């Protein structure tokens, strides 16, 4: 199977516990992501996956300084490879689909040159977004879908990335737990499309720099999305949806995302 996904997000600043955002955090940030992915069957119950994630990150600050200014980052992010085990896969009629797997994000992309929260950062023009983490990260996941006589196909996807390795520059990505609830209304067809609803719960533990918690990282997030699932042909499908936050509780000042997503896949 081959596929591609495009994601656009407009980020807005938020600072927990503050009545107003400080001037240096005001501005506009836009993020465009494109992911190319492939899945290959090594065995009827074992698949290999590879993902090439591209990103264009653009920031404009109302009050520029060494931490916040007009910047743009464009390029290929860390290469992702993984394995997926197929525990159950009812493709037609009532039944369930159940997968478990693990993905590795390899340190292939450019990363931080120094600690952006360290003392040297106050005198060197820099940005807090980079293409790669500088270290290997591992994400474990499980995916379950259930189809019955009920008019909605339901799904549950859980992902967990533990805190493991530290980069040579002293950066250690924090742990992350994410759970998605999916519902696709197969009894409410609009042309070749079905309504598609998602509810996302995410818990992020703060990142670490040089063994200490990094400012402005970590929090609780609840997001929702609504869109359409298109069955274009027997082998080609597409998803188009809008997403945004319902409730957040962040540590320090962070960017909250709203945007849209377009995914296309074909079975070969």
C-alpha atoms as a PDB file:
ATOM      1  CA  UNK A   1       0.000   0.000   0.000  1.00  0.00           C
ATOM      2  CA  UNK A   2       1.197   3.495  -0.861  1.00  0.00           C
ATOM      3  CA  UNK A   3      -0.138   6.769   0.495  1.00  0.00           C
ATOM      4  CA  UNK A   4       0.371  10.448   1.164  1.00  0.00           C
ATOM      5  CA  UNK A   5      -1.013  12.852   3.743  1.00  0.00           C
ATOM      6  CA  UNK A   6      -1.053  16.658   3.774  1.00  0.00           C
ATOM      7  CA  UNK A   7      -1.655  18.599   6.961  1.00  0.00           C
ATOM      8  CA  UNK A   8      -1.956  22.360   7.449  1.00  0.00           C
ATOM      9  CA  UNK A   9      -1.974  23.965  10.890  1.00  0.00           C
ATOM     10  CA  UNK A  10      -2.268  27.561  12.058  1.00  0.00           C
ATOM     11  CA  UNK A  11      -0.763  27.912  15.533  1.00  0.00           C
ATOM     12  CA  UNK A  12      -1.895  30.401  18.153  1.00  0.00           C
ATOM     13  CA  UNK A  13       0.001  31.157  21.386  1.00  0.00           C
ATOM     14  CA  UNK A  14      -1.374  30.237  24.768  1.00  0.00           C
ATOM     15  CA  UNK A  15       0.146  30.656  28.219  1.00  0.00           C
ATOM     16  CA  UNK A  16      -1.366  28.682  31.100  1.00  0.00           C
ATOM     17  CA  UNK A  17      -2.366  30.745  34.108  1.00  0.00           C
ATOM     18  CA  UNK A  18      -1.808  34.107  32.421  1.00  0.00           C
ATOM     19  CA  UNK A  19      -4.480  36.629  31.483  1.00  0.00           C
ATOM     20  CA  UNK A  20      -2.524  37.797  28.447  1.00  0.00           C
ATOM     21  CA  UNK A  21       0.308  36.525  26.312  1.00  0.00           C
ATOM     22  CA  UNK A  22       3.549  38.476  26.630  1.00  0.00           C
ATOM     23  CA  UNK A  23       4.445  40.591  23.597  1.00  0.00           C
ATOM     24  CA  UNK A  24       7.368  38.422  22.505  1.00  0.00           C
ATOM     25  CA  UNK A  25       5.032  35.438  22.067  1.00  0.00           C
ATOM     26  CA  UNK A  26       2.604  37.269  19.756  1.00  0.00           C
ATOM     27  CA  UNK A  27       2.771  36.511  16.049  1.00  0.00           C
ATOM     28  CA  UNK A  28       1.752  34.008  13.413  1.00  0.00           C
ATOM     29  CA  UNK A  29       2.982  30.472  12.844  1.00  0.00           C
ATOM     30  CA  UNK A  30       1.938  28.222   9.976  1.00  0.00           C
ATOM     31  CA  UNK A  31       2.956  24.611   9.451  1.00  0.00           C
ATOM     32  CA  UNK A  32       2.596  22.546   6.268  1.00  0.00           C
ATOM     33  CA  UNK A  33       3.326  18.810   6.531  1.00  0.00           C
ATOM     34  CA  UNK A  34       3.498  16.196   3.786  1.00  0.00           C
ATOM     35  CA  UNK A  35       4.078  12.534   4.624  1.00  0.00           C
ATOM     36  CA  UNK A  36       4.804   9.869   2.006  1.00  0.00           C
ATOM     37  CA  UNK A  37       4.405   6.341   3.304  1.00  0.00           C
ATOM     38  CA  UNK A  38       4.534   2.772   2.117  1.00  0.00           C
ATOM     39  CA  UNK A  39       3.477  -0.545   3.618  1.00  0.00           C
ATOM     40  CA  UNK A  40       4.805  -3.872   2.368  1.00  0.00           C
ATOM     41  CA  UNK A  41       3.644  -7.334   3.383  1.00  0.00           C
ATOM     42  CA  UNK A  42       6.559  -9.431   4.600  1.00  0.00           C
ATOM     43  CA  UNK A  43       4.122 -12.153   5.680  1.00  0.00           C
ATOM     44  CA  UNK A  44       0.305 -12.431   5.723  1.00  0.00           C
ATOM     45  CA  UNK A  45       0.442 -11.174   9.327  1.00  0.00           C
ATOM     46  CA  UNK A  46       3.543  -8.969   9.284  1.00  0.00           C
ATOM     47  CA  UNK A  47       3.987  -5.638   7.456  1.00  0.00           C
ATOM     48  CA  UNK A  48       6.975  -3.332   7.087  1.00  0.00           C
ATOM     49  CA  UNK A  49       6.365   0.435   7.016  1.00  0.00           C
ATOM     50  CA  UNK A  50       8.428   3.429   5.943  1.00  0.00           C
ATOM     51  CA  UNK A  51       7.482   7.116   6.191  1.00  0.00           C
ATOM     52  CA  UNK A  52       9.164  10.180   4.685  1.00  0.00           C
ATOM     53  CA  UNK A  53       7.839  13.266   6.522  1.00  0.00           C
ATOM     54  CA  UNK A  54       8.413  16.693   4.959  1.00  0.00           C
ATOM     55  CA  UNK A  55       7.603  19.967   6.720  1.00  0.00           C
ATOM     56  CA  UNK A  56       7.511  23.716   6.080  1.00  0.00           C
ATOM     57  CA  UNK A  57       7.405  25.709   9.309  1.00  0.00           C
ATOM     58  CA  UNK A  58       7.055  29.497   9.115  1.00  0.00           C
ATOM     59  CA  UNK A  59       7.001  31.977  11.998  1.00  0.00           C
ATOM     60  CA  UNK A  60       6.439  35.724  12.117  1.00  0.00           C
ATOM     61  CA  UNK A  61       6.837  37.561  15.435  1.00  0.00           C
ATOM     62  CA  UNK A  62       5.224  40.898  16.303  1.00  0.00           C
ATOM     63  CA  UNK A  63       8.111  41.757  18.643  1.00  0.00           C
ATOM     64  CA  UNK A  64      11.241  40.121  17.150  1.00  0.00           C
ATOM     65  CA  UNK A  65      14.174  39.148  19.372  1.00  0.00           C
ATOM     66  CA  UNK A  66      16.819  36.390  19.406  1.00  0.00           C
ATOM     67  CA  UNK A  67      14.190  33.837  20.493  1.00  0.00           C
ATOM     68  CA  UNK A  68      11.245  35.004  18.342  1.00  0.00           C
ATOM     69  CA  UNK A  69      11.604  36.442  14.837  1.00  0.00           C
ATOM     70  CA  UNK A  70      10.667  35.834  11.217  1.00  0.00           C
ATOM     71  CA  UNK A  71      11.993  32.384  10.379  1.00  0.00           C
ATOM     72  CA  UNK A  72      11.253  29.533   7.982  1.00  0.00           C
ATOM     73  CA  UNK A  73      12.320  25.882   8.110  1.00  0.00           C
ATOM     74  CA  UNK A  74      11.787  23.534   5.169  1.00  0.00           C
ATOM     75  CA  UNK A  75      12.988  19.986   4.724  1.00  0.00           C
ATOM     76  CA  UNK A  76      12.789  16.273   5.397  1.00  0.00           C
ATOM     77  CA  UNK A  77      12.244  15.285   9.029  1.00  0.00           C
ATOM     78  CA  UNK A  78      13.587  12.137  10.732  1.00  0.00           C
ATOM     79  CA  UNK A  79      13.042   8.987   8.660  1.00  0.00           C
ATOM     80  CA  UNK A  80      10.531   6.562  10.195  1.00  0.00           C
ATOM     81  CA  UNK A  81      10.571   2.774   9.820  1.00  0.00           C
ATOM     82  CA  UNK A  82       8.477   0.179  11.587  1.00  0.00           C
ATOM     83  CA  UNK A  83       6.746  -3.179  11.779  1.00  0.00           C
ATOM     84  CA  UNK A  84       3.033  -3.958  12.122  1.00  0.00           C
ATOM     85  CA  UNK A  85       1.571  -7.272  13.263  1.00  0.00           C
ATOM     86  CA  UNK A  86      -1.899  -8.199  11.980  1.00  0.00           C
ATOM     87  CA  UNK A  87      -3.824  -9.990  14.729  1.00  0.00           C
ATOM     88  CA  UNK A  88      -7.230  -9.872  13.006  1.00  0.00           C
ATOM     89  CA  UNK A  89      -8.329  -8.451   9.676  1.00  0.00           C
ATOM     90  CA  UNK A  90     -11.947  -8.940   8.587  1.00  0.00           C
ATOM     91  CA  UNK A  91     -12.016  -7.026   5.295  1.00  0.00           C
ATOM     92  CA  UNK A  92     -15.682  -7.568   4.377  1.00  0.00           C
ATOM     93  CA  UNK A  93     -18.918  -7.711   6.366  1.00  0.00           C
ATOM     94  CA  UNK A  94     -19.198  -7.595  10.160  1.00  0.00           C
ATOM     95  CA  UNK A  95     -15.959  -8.174  12.042  1.00  0.00           C
ATOM     96  CA  UNK A  96     -12.921  -6.500  13.509  1.00  0.00           C
ATOM     97  CA  UNK A  97      -9.429  -5.413  12.495  1.00  0.00           C
ATOM     98  CA  UNK A  98      -6.691  -5.474  15.120  1.00  0.00           C
ATOM     99  CA  UNK A  99      -3.050  -4.422  14.682  1.00  0.00           C
ATOM    100  CA  UNK A 100      -0.098  -3.769  16.973  1.00  0.00           C
ATOM    101  CA  UNK A 101       3.239  -2.334  15.973  1.00  0.00           C
ATOM    102  CA  UNK A 102       6.297  -0.226  16.661  1.00  0.00           C
ATOM    103  CA  UNK A 103       7.910   2.641  14.735  1.00  0.00           C
ATOM    104  CA  UNK A 104      11.452   3.992  14.932  1.00  0.00           C
ATOM    105  CA  UNK A 105      12.224   7.619  14.111  1.00  0.00           C
ATOM    106  CA  UNK A 106      15.909   7.690  13.179  1.00  0.00           C
ATOM    107  CA  UNK A 107      18.121  10.783  13.686  1.00  0.00           C
ATOM    108  CA  UNK A 108      18.558  11.537   9.971  1.00  0.00           C
ATOM    109  CA  UNK A 109      17.510  15.216   9.888  1.00  0.00           C
ATOM    110  CA  UNK A 110      19.385  18.352  11.031  1.00  0.00           C
ATOM    111  CA  UNK A 111      18.853  19.096  14.711  1.00  0.00           C
ATOM    112  CA  UNK A 112      19.682  21.617  17.454  1.00  0.00           C
ATOM    113  CA  UNK A 113      23.146  23.149  17.429  1.00  0.00           C
ATOM    114  CA  UNK A 114      22.899  24.174  21.098  1.00  0.00           C
ATOM    115  CA  UNK A 115      20.442  24.318  23.992  1.00  0.00           C
ATOM    116  CA  UNK A 116      17.879  27.016  23.021  1.00  0.00           C
ATOM    117  CA  UNK A 117      17.112  27.568  26.721  1.00  0.00           C
ATOM    118  CA  UNK A 118      20.760  27.796  27.828  1.00  0.00           C
ATOM    119  CA  UNK A 119      22.663  30.944  28.693  1.00  0.00           C
ATOM    120  CA  UNK A 120      24.298  31.209  25.256  1.00  0.00           C
ATOM    121  CA  UNK A 121      20.876  31.316  23.571  1.00  0.00           C
ATOM    122  CA  UNK A 122      20.182  34.840  24.872  1.00  0.00           C
ATOM    123  CA  UNK A 123      22.923  36.261  22.665  1.00  0.00           C
ATOM    124  CA  UNK A 124      22.628  34.078  19.548  1.00  0.00           C
ATOM    125  CA  UNK A 125      19.828  34.402  17.000  1.00  0.00           C
ATOM    126  CA  UNK A 126      18.067  31.021  16.809  1.00  0.00           C
ATOM    127  CA  UNK A 127      14.694  29.274  16.686  1.00  0.00           C
ATOM    128  CA  UNK A 128      13.045  26.595  18.786  1.00  0.00           C
ATOM    129  CA  UNK A 129      11.931  24.406  15.883  1.00  0.00           C
ATOM    130  CA  UNK A 130      14.229  21.969  14.080  1.00  0.00           C
ATOM    131  CA  UNK A 131      13.723  19.189  11.560  1.00  0.00           C
ATOM    132  CA  UNK A 132      15.047  16.365  13.762  1.00  0.00           C
ATOM    133  CA  UNK A 133      15.393  15.478  17.437  1.00  0.00           C
ATOM    134  CA  UNK A 134      19.008  14.329  17.123  1.00  0.00           C
ATOM    135  CA  UNK A 135      18.191  10.986  18.725  1.00  0.00           C
ATOM    136  CA  UNK A 136      16.228   7.789  18.068  1.00  0.00           C
ATOM    137  CA  UNK A 137      12.648   7.658  19.337  1.00  0.00           C
ATOM    138  CA  UNK A 138      10.388   4.599  19.552  1.00  0.00           C
ATOM    139  CA  UNK A 139       6.589   4.661  19.320  1.00  0.00           C
ATOM    140  CA  UNK A 140       4.460   1.626  20.197  1.00  0.00           C
ATOM    141  CA  UNK A 141       0.865   1.505  18.983  1.00  0.00           C
ATOM    142  CA  UNK A 142      -2.281  -0.553  18.793  1.00  0.00           C
ATOM    143  CA  UNK A 143      -5.181  -0.142  16.367  1.00  0.00           C
ATOM    144  CA  UNK A 144      -8.640  -1.712  16.646  1.00  0.00           C
ATOM    145  CA  UNK A 145     -11.605  -1.270  14.272  1.00  0.00           C
ATOM    146  CA  UNK A 146     -15.044  -2.839  14.633  1.00  0.00           C
ATOM    147  CA  UNK A 147     -17.766  -3.139  12.001  1.00  0.00           C
ATOM    148  CA  UNK A 148     -21.234  -4.558  12.729  1.00  0.00           C
ATOM    149  CA  UNK A 149     -24.863  -3.834  11.836  1.00  0.00           C
ATOM    150  CA  UNK A 150     -24.501  -0.571  13.755  1.00  0.00           C
ATOM    151  CA  UNK A 151     -24.540   2.353  11.258  1.00  0.00           C
ATOM    152  CA  UNK A 152     -21.114   3.590  12.432  1.00  0.00           C
ATOM    153  CA  UNK A 153     -17.781   1.825  12.040  1.00  0.00           C
ATOM    154  CA  UNK A 154     -15.841   2.525  15.239  1.00  0.00           C
ATOM    155  CA  UNK A 155     -12.111   2.511  15.902  1.00  0.00           C
ATOM    156  CA  UNK A 156      -9.617   2.987  18.708  1.00  0.00           C
ATOM    157  CA  UNK A 157      -5.945   3.866  18.132  1.00  0.00           C
ATOM    158  CA  UNK A 158      -3.418   4.210  20.969  1.00  0.00           C
ATOM    159  CA  UNK A 159       0.215   5.353  20.673  1.00  0.00           C
ATOM    160  CA  UNK A 160       2.927   5.554  23.339  1.00  0.00           C
ATOM    161  CA  UNK A 161       6.387   7.079  22.951  1.00  0.00           C
ATOM    162  CA  UNK A 162       8.519   6.554  26.090  1.00  0.00           C
ATOM    163  CA  UNK A 163      11.368   8.802  27.194  1.00  0.00           C
ATOM    164  CA  UNK A 164      14.486   6.880  26.178  1.00  0.00           C
ATOM    165  CA  UNK A 165      17.533   8.423  24.554  1.00  0.00           C
ATOM    166  CA  UNK A 166      19.370  11.751  24.780  1.00  0.00           C
ATOM    167  CA  UNK A 167      20.984  13.500  21.809  1.00  0.00           C
ATOM    168  CA  UNK A 168      24.640  14.532  21.729  1.00  0.00           C
ATOM    169  CA  UNK A 169      23.516  18.107  22.342  1.00  0.00           C
ATOM    170  CA  UNK A 170      21.701  17.124  25.551  1.00  0.00           C
ATOM    171  CA  UNK A 171      18.097  17.006  24.256  1.00  0.00           C
ATOM    172  CA  UNK A 172      15.759  14.239  25.440  1.00  0.00           C
ATOM    173  CA  UNK A 173      12.199  14.129  24.009  1.00  0.00           C
ATOM    174  CA  UNK A 174       9.543  13.638  26.670  1.00  0.00           C
ATOM    175  CA  UNK A 175       7.117  10.735  26.915  1.00  0.00           C
ATOM    176  CA  UNK A 176       3.859  10.978  24.991  1.00  0.00           C
ATOM    177  CA  UNK A 177       0.596   9.021  25.235  1.00  0.00           C
ATOM    178  CA  UNK A 178      -2.118   9.524  22.624  1.00  0.00           C
ATOM    179  CA  UNK A 179      -5.526   7.885  22.163  1.00  0.00           C
ATOM    180  CA  UNK A 180      -7.883   8.436  19.194  1.00  0.00           C
ATOM    181  CA  UNK A 181     -11.563   7.459  19.001  1.00  0.00           C
ATOM    182  CA  UNK A 182     -12.877   7.148  15.428  1.00  0.00           C
ATOM    183  CA  UNK A 183     -16.399   6.896  13.991  1.00  0.00           C
ATOM    184  CA  UNK A 184     -17.225   6.528  10.278  1.00  0.00           C
ATOM    185  CA  UNK A 185     -20.911   6.634   9.346  1.00  0.00           C
ATOM    186  CA  UNK A 186     -21.331   4.011   6.647  1.00  0.00           C
ATOM    187  CA  UNK A 187     -25.121   4.382   6.610  1.00  0.00           C
ATOM    188  CA  UNK A 188     -24.963   8.076   5.702  1.00  0.00           C
ATOM    189  CA  UNK A 189     -23.447   8.128   2.247  1.00  0.00           C
ATOM    190  CA  UNK A 190     -22.932  11.423   0.434  1.00  0.00           C
ATOM    191  CA  UNK A 191     -21.934  10.628  -3.138  1.00  0.00           C
ATOM    192  CA  UNK A 192     -18.861   8.453  -2.449  1.00  0.00           C
ATOM    193  CA  UNK A 193     -18.129   9.943   0.967  1.00  0.00           C
ATOM    194  CA  UNK A 194     -19.011   9.044   4.549  1.00  0.00           C
ATOM    195  CA  UNK A 195     -18.956  11.337   7.614  1.00  0.00           C
ATOM    196  CA  UNK A 196     -15.803  10.861   9.693  1.00  0.00           C
ATOM    197  CA  UNK A 197     -15.488  12.008  13.326  1.00  0.00           C
ATOM    198  CA  UNK A 198     -12.439  11.747  15.592  1.00  0.00           C
ATOM    199  CA  UNK A 199     -11.775  12.576  19.240  1.00  0.00           C
ATOM    200  CA  UNK A 200      -8.132  12.775  20.334  1.00  0.00           C
ATOM    201  CA  UNK A 201      -6.714  12.673  23.878  1.00  0.00           C
ATOM    202  CA  UNK A 202      -3.009  13.418  24.324  1.00  0.00           C
ATOM    203  CA  UNK A 203      -0.729  13.611  27.376  1.00  0.00           C
ATOM    204  CA  UNK A 204       2.773  14.982  26.916  1.00  0.00           C
ATOM    205  CA  UNK A 205       5.486  14.886  29.579  1.00  0.00           C
ATOM    206  CA  UNK A 206       7.987  17.752  29.376  1.00  0.00           C
ATOM    207  CA  UNK A 207      11.156  17.454  27.296  1.00  0.00           C
ATOM    208  CA  UNK A 208      14.567  17.596  28.974  1.00  0.00           C
ATOM    209  CA  UNK A 209      17.643  19.674  28.217  1.00  0.00           C
ATOM    210  CA  UNK A 210      20.922  18.758  29.934  1.00  0.00           C
ATOM    211  CA  UNK A 211      19.027  16.684  32.494  1.00  0.00           C
ATOM    212  CA  UNK A 212      16.527  19.412  33.452  1.00  0.00           C
ATOM    213  CA  UNK A 213      12.876  19.889  32.359  1.00  0.00           C
ATOM    214  CA  UNK A 214      12.559  22.161  29.332  1.00  0.00           C
ATOM    215  CA  UNK A 215      10.325  25.249  29.678  1.00  0.00           C
ATOM    216  CA  UNK A 216       7.118  25.466  27.640  1.00  0.00           C
ATOM    217  CA  UNK A 217       6.706  21.727  27.104  1.00  0.00           C
ATOM    218  CA  UNK A 218       4.235  19.140  28.346  1.00  0.00           C
ATOM    219  CA  UNK A 219       0.509  19.254  28.949  1.00  0.00           C
ATOM    220  CA  UNK A 220      -2.909  17.710  28.390  1.00  0.00           C
ATOM    221  CA  UNK A 221      -4.757  18.130  25.090  1.00  0.00           C
ATOM    222  CA  UNK A 222      -8.212  17.148  23.828  1.00  0.00           C
ATOM    223  CA  UNK A 223      -8.901  17.737  20.131  1.00  0.00           C
ATOM    224  CA  UNK A 224     -11.689  16.847  17.715  1.00  0.00           C
ATOM    225  CA  UNK A 225     -11.948  16.575  13.951  1.00  0.00           C
ATOM    226  CA  UNK A 226     -14.802  16.270  11.484  1.00  0.00           C
ATOM    227  CA  UNK A 227     -14.681  15.492   7.788  1.00  0.00           C
ATOM    228  CA  UNK A 228     -15.430  13.031   5.002  1.00  0.00           C
ATOM    229  CA  UNK A 229     -14.023   9.630   4.051  1.00  0.00           C
ATOM    230  CA  UNK A 230     -14.108   9.208   0.242  1.00  0.00           C
ATOM    231  CA  UNK A 231     -14.063   5.802  -1.470  1.00  0.00           C
ATOM    232  CA  UNK A 232     -12.927   6.946  -4.904  1.00  0.00           C
ATOM    233  CA  UNK A 233     -12.416   3.462  -6.365  1.00  0.00           C
ATOM    234  CA  UNK A 234     -12.061  -0.051  -5.013  1.00  0.00           C
ATOM    235  CA  UNK A 235      -8.351   0.577  -4.408  1.00  0.00           C
ATOM    236  CA  UNK A 236      -8.162   4.347  -3.815  1.00  0.00           C
ATOM    237  CA  UNK A 237      -9.549   6.236  -0.813  1.00  0.00           C
ATOM    238  CA  UNK A 238      -9.145   9.729   0.623  1.00  0.00           C
ATOM    239  CA  UNK A 239      -9.934  11.541   3.874  1.00  0.00           C
ATOM    240  CA  UNK A 240     -10.545  15.278   4.246  1.00  0.00           C
ATOM    241  CA  UNK A 241     -11.196  16.785   7.680  1.00  0.00           C
ATOM    242  CA  UNK A 242     -10.888  19.847   9.885  1.00  0.00           C
ATOM    243  CA  UNK A 243      -9.518  19.651  13.422  1.00  0.00           C
ATOM    244  CA  UNK A 244      -9.152  21.905  16.431  1.00  0.00           C
ATOM    245  CA  UNK A 245      -8.765  21.966  20.225  1.00  0.00           C
ATOM    246  CA  UNK A 246     -11.592  21.330  22.690  1.00  0.00           C
ATOM    247  CA  UNK A 247      -9.625  21.669  25.935  1.00  0.00           C
ATOM    248  CA  UNK A 248      -5.966  22.141  26.804  1.00  0.00           C
ATOM    249  CA  UNK A 249      -3.817  22.444  29.901  1.00  0.00           C
ATOM    250  CA  UNK A 250      -0.249  23.355  28.977  1.00  0.00           C
ATOM    251  CA  UNK A 251       2.980  23.982  30.819  1.00  0.00           C
ATOM    252  CA  UNK A 252       4.188  27.549  30.217  1.00  0.00           C
ATOM    253  CA  UNK A 253       3.687  29.264  26.867  1.00  0.00           C
ATOM    254  CA  UNK A 254       2.923  26.990  23.911  1.00  0.00           C
ATOM    255  CA  UNK A 255       1.347  27.012  20.471  1.00  0.00           C
ATOM    256  CA  UNK A 256      -2.146  25.539  20.039  1.00  0.00           C
ATOM    257  CA  UNK A 257      -2.972  24.016  16.646  1.00  0.00           C
ATOM    258  CA  UNK A 258      -6.012  24.348  14.361  1.00  0.00           C
ATOM    259  CA  UNK A 259      -6.018  23.119  10.796  1.00  0.00           C
ATOM    260  CA  UNK A 260      -7.037  20.673   8.094  1.00  0.00           C
ATOM    261  CA  UNK A 261      -5.835  17.325   6.808  1.00  0.00           C
ATOM    262  CA  UNK A 262      -5.996  15.536   3.459  1.00  0.00           C
ATOM    263  CA  UNK A 263      -4.881  11.902   3.178  1.00  0.00           C
ATOM    264  CA  UNK A 264      -4.794   9.717   0.068  1.00  0.00           C
ATOM    265  CA  UNK A 265      -3.943   6.022  -0.151  1.00  0.00           C
ATOM    266  CA  UNK A 266      -3.907   3.346  -2.816  1.00  0.00           C
ATOM    267  CA  UNK A 267      -3.635  -0.432  -2.518  1.00  0.00           C
ATOM    268  CA  UNK A 268      -1.233  -2.054  -5.006  1.00  0.00           C
END
